[in-house]
């Protein structure tokens, strides 16, 4: 009876040791895949740069405030994505 329990305990410890090493290897691979600088979007801007540029583009237009806000949001989205 005692040998049975000790054999089960050893088997349990071996399986936990095996899963821990495989998880460590997976995390190393994931860290290696995600390491480094992200790929920059060609011609994209930061939020502050896009806001300043769009304000300059839309300055002097005679439209309602809500219309300007909509156009400002669309302009910022385009410039932050690099499509404009």
C-alpha atoms as a PDB file:
ATOM      1  CA  UNK A   1       0.000   0.000   0.000  1.00  0.00           C
ATOM      2  CA  UNK A   2       2.791   2.373   0.902  1.00  0.00           C
ATOM      3  CA  UNK A   3       4.652   1.579  -2.332  1.00  0.00           C
ATOM      4  CA  UNK A   4       1.505   2.338  -4.327  1.00  0.00           C
ATOM      5  CA  UNK A   5       1.131   5.786  -2.751  1.00  0.00           C
ATOM      6  CA  UNK A   6       4.795   6.616  -3.203  1.00  0.00           C
ATOM      7  CA  UNK A   7       4.677   5.490  -6.838  1.00  0.00           C
ATOM      8  CA  UNK A   8       1.636   7.725  -7.443  1.00  0.00           C
ATOM      9  CA  UNK A   9       3.369  10.631  -5.742  1.00  0.00           C
ATOM     10  CA  UNK A  10       6.499  10.211  -7.868  1.00  0.00           C
ATOM     11  CA  UNK A  11       4.399   9.966 -11.028  1.00  0.00           C
ATOM     12  CA  UNK A  12       2.521  13.133 -10.054  1.00  0.00           C
ATOM     13  CA  UNK A  13       5.747  15.033  -9.430  1.00  0.00           C
ATOM     14  CA  UNK A  14       7.159  13.904 -12.755  1.00  0.00           C
ATOM     15  CA  UNK A  15       4.093  15.117 -14.678  1.00  0.00           C
ATOM     16  CA  UNK A  16       4.136  18.516 -12.976  1.00  0.00           C
ATOM     17  CA  UNK A  17       7.845  18.869 -13.728  1.00  0.00           C
ATOM     18  CA  UNK A  18       7.253  17.982 -17.379  1.00  0.00           C
ATOM     19  CA  UNK A  19       4.401  20.493 -17.809  1.00  0.00           C
ATOM     20  CA  UNK A  20       6.374  23.258 -16.091  1.00  0.00           C
ATOM     21  CA  UNK A  21       9.292  22.898 -18.516  1.00  0.00           C
ATOM     22  CA  UNK A  22       7.021  22.843 -21.560  1.00  0.00           C
ATOM     23  CA  UNK A  23       5.242  25.993 -20.361  1.00  0.00           C
ATOM     24  CA  UNK A  24       8.595  27.699 -19.823  1.00  0.00           C
ATOM     25  CA  UNK A  25       9.646  26.819 -23.374  1.00  0.00           C
ATOM     26  CA  UNK A  26       6.363  28.173 -24.780  1.00  0.00           C
ATOM     27  CA  UNK A  27       6.796  31.475 -22.940  1.00  0.00           C
ATOM     28  CA  UNK A  28      10.381  31.787 -24.232  1.00  0.00           C
ATOM     29  CA  UNK A  29       9.195  31.241 -27.803  1.00  0.00           C
ATOM     30  CA  UNK A  30       6.393  33.789 -27.359  1.00  0.00           C
ATOM     31  CA  UNK A  31       8.797  36.359 -25.910  1.00  0.00           C
ATOM     32  CA  UNK A  32      11.146  35.803 -28.826  1.00  0.00           C
ATOM     33  CA  UNK A  33       8.312  36.259 -31.337  1.00  0.00           C
ATOM     34  CA  UNK A  34       7.070  39.493 -29.777  1.00  0.00           C
ATOM     35  CA  UNK A  35      10.482  41.018 -29.003  1.00  0.00           C
ATOM     36  CA  UNK A  36      11.734  44.119 -30.748  1.00  0.00           C
ATOM     37  CA  UNK A  37      10.150  47.240 -32.128  1.00  0.00           C
ATOM     38  CA  UNK A  38       6.698  47.105 -33.709  1.00  0.00           C
ATOM     39  CA  UNK A  39       6.569  47.591 -37.452  1.00  0.00           C
ATOM     40  CA  UNK A  40       5.792  51.270 -38.119  1.00  0.00           C
ATOM     41  CA  UNK A  41       2.931  52.206 -40.382  1.00  0.00           C
ATOM     42  CA  UNK A  42       4.225  54.179 -43.326  1.00  0.00           C
ATOM     43  CA  UNK A  43       3.181  57.819 -43.006  1.00  0.00           C
ATOM     44  CA  UNK A  44       1.249  57.396 -39.761  1.00  0.00           C
ATOM     45  CA  UNK A  45       1.221  60.038 -37.020  1.00  0.00           C
ATOM     46  CA  UNK A  46       0.798  60.073 -33.292  1.00  0.00           C
ATOM     47  CA  UNK A  47      -2.471  61.333 -31.874  1.00  0.00           C
ATOM     48  CA  UNK A  48      -0.988  64.725 -30.965  1.00  0.00           C
ATOM     49  CA  UNK A  49       0.597  65.155 -34.405  1.00  0.00           C
ATOM     50  CA  UNK A  50      -2.623  64.192 -36.149  1.00  0.00           C
ATOM     51  CA  UNK A  51      -4.703  66.560 -34.003  1.00  0.00           C
ATOM     52  CA  UNK A  52      -2.393  69.497 -34.695  1.00  0.00           C
ATOM     53  CA  UNK A  53      -2.308  68.789 -38.428  1.00  0.00           C
ATOM     54  CA  UNK A  54      -6.084  68.394 -38.666  1.00  0.00           C
ATOM     55  CA  UNK A  55      -6.646  71.599 -36.699  1.00  0.00           C
ATOM     56  CA  UNK A  56      -4.478  73.433 -39.193  1.00  0.00           C
ATOM     57  CA  UNK A  57      -6.346  71.834 -42.105  1.00  0.00           C
ATOM     58  CA  UNK A  58      -9.793  72.648 -40.719  1.00  0.00           C
ATOM     59  CA  UNK A  59      -9.042  76.115 -39.361  1.00  0.00           C
ATOM     60  CA  UNK A  60     -11.085  78.916 -40.865  1.00  0.00           C
ATOM     61  CA  UNK A  61     -13.917  76.726 -42.093  1.00  0.00           C
ATOM     62  CA  UNK A  62     -17.421  78.030 -41.400  1.00  0.00           C
ATOM     63  CA  UNK A  63     -19.270  74.970 -40.224  1.00  0.00           C
ATOM     64  CA  UNK A  64     -21.139  73.944 -37.129  1.00  0.00           C
ATOM     65  CA  UNK A  65     -19.209  72.699 -34.140  1.00  0.00           C
ATOM     66  CA  UNK A  66     -20.638  69.183 -34.395  1.00  0.00           C
ATOM     67  CA  UNK A  67     -19.748  69.009 -38.091  1.00  0.00           C
ATOM     68  CA  UNK A  68     -16.199  70.133 -37.340  1.00  0.00           C
ATOM     69  CA  UNK A  69     -15.900  67.543 -34.560  1.00  0.00           C
ATOM     70  CA  UNK A  70     -16.982  64.768 -36.945  1.00  0.00           C
ATOM     71  CA  UNK A  71     -14.551  65.908 -39.636  1.00  0.00           C
ATOM     72  CA  UNK A  72     -11.796  66.288 -37.040  1.00  0.00           C
ATOM     73  CA  UNK A  73     -12.334  62.725 -35.776  1.00  0.00           C
ATOM     74  CA  UNK A  74     -12.308  61.330 -39.339  1.00  0.00           C
ATOM     75  CA  UNK A  75      -9.207  63.323 -40.245  1.00  0.00           C
ATOM     76  CA  UNK A  76      -7.358  62.139 -37.129  1.00  0.00           C
ATOM     77  CA  UNK A  77      -8.291  58.509 -37.788  1.00  0.00           C
ATOM     78  CA  UNK A  78      -6.978  58.715 -41.351  1.00  0.00           C
ATOM     79  CA  UNK A  79      -3.722  60.386 -40.361  1.00  0.00           C
ATOM     80  CA  UNK A  80      -3.093  58.004 -37.461  1.00  0.00           C
ATOM     81  CA  UNK A  81      -3.619  55.020 -39.777  1.00  0.00           C
ATOM     82  CA  UNK A  82      -1.354  56.480 -42.442  1.00  0.00           C
ATOM     83  CA  UNK A  83      -4.000  56.567 -45.164  1.00  0.00           C
ATOM     84  CA  UNK A  84      -3.918  60.307 -45.674  1.00  0.00           C
END
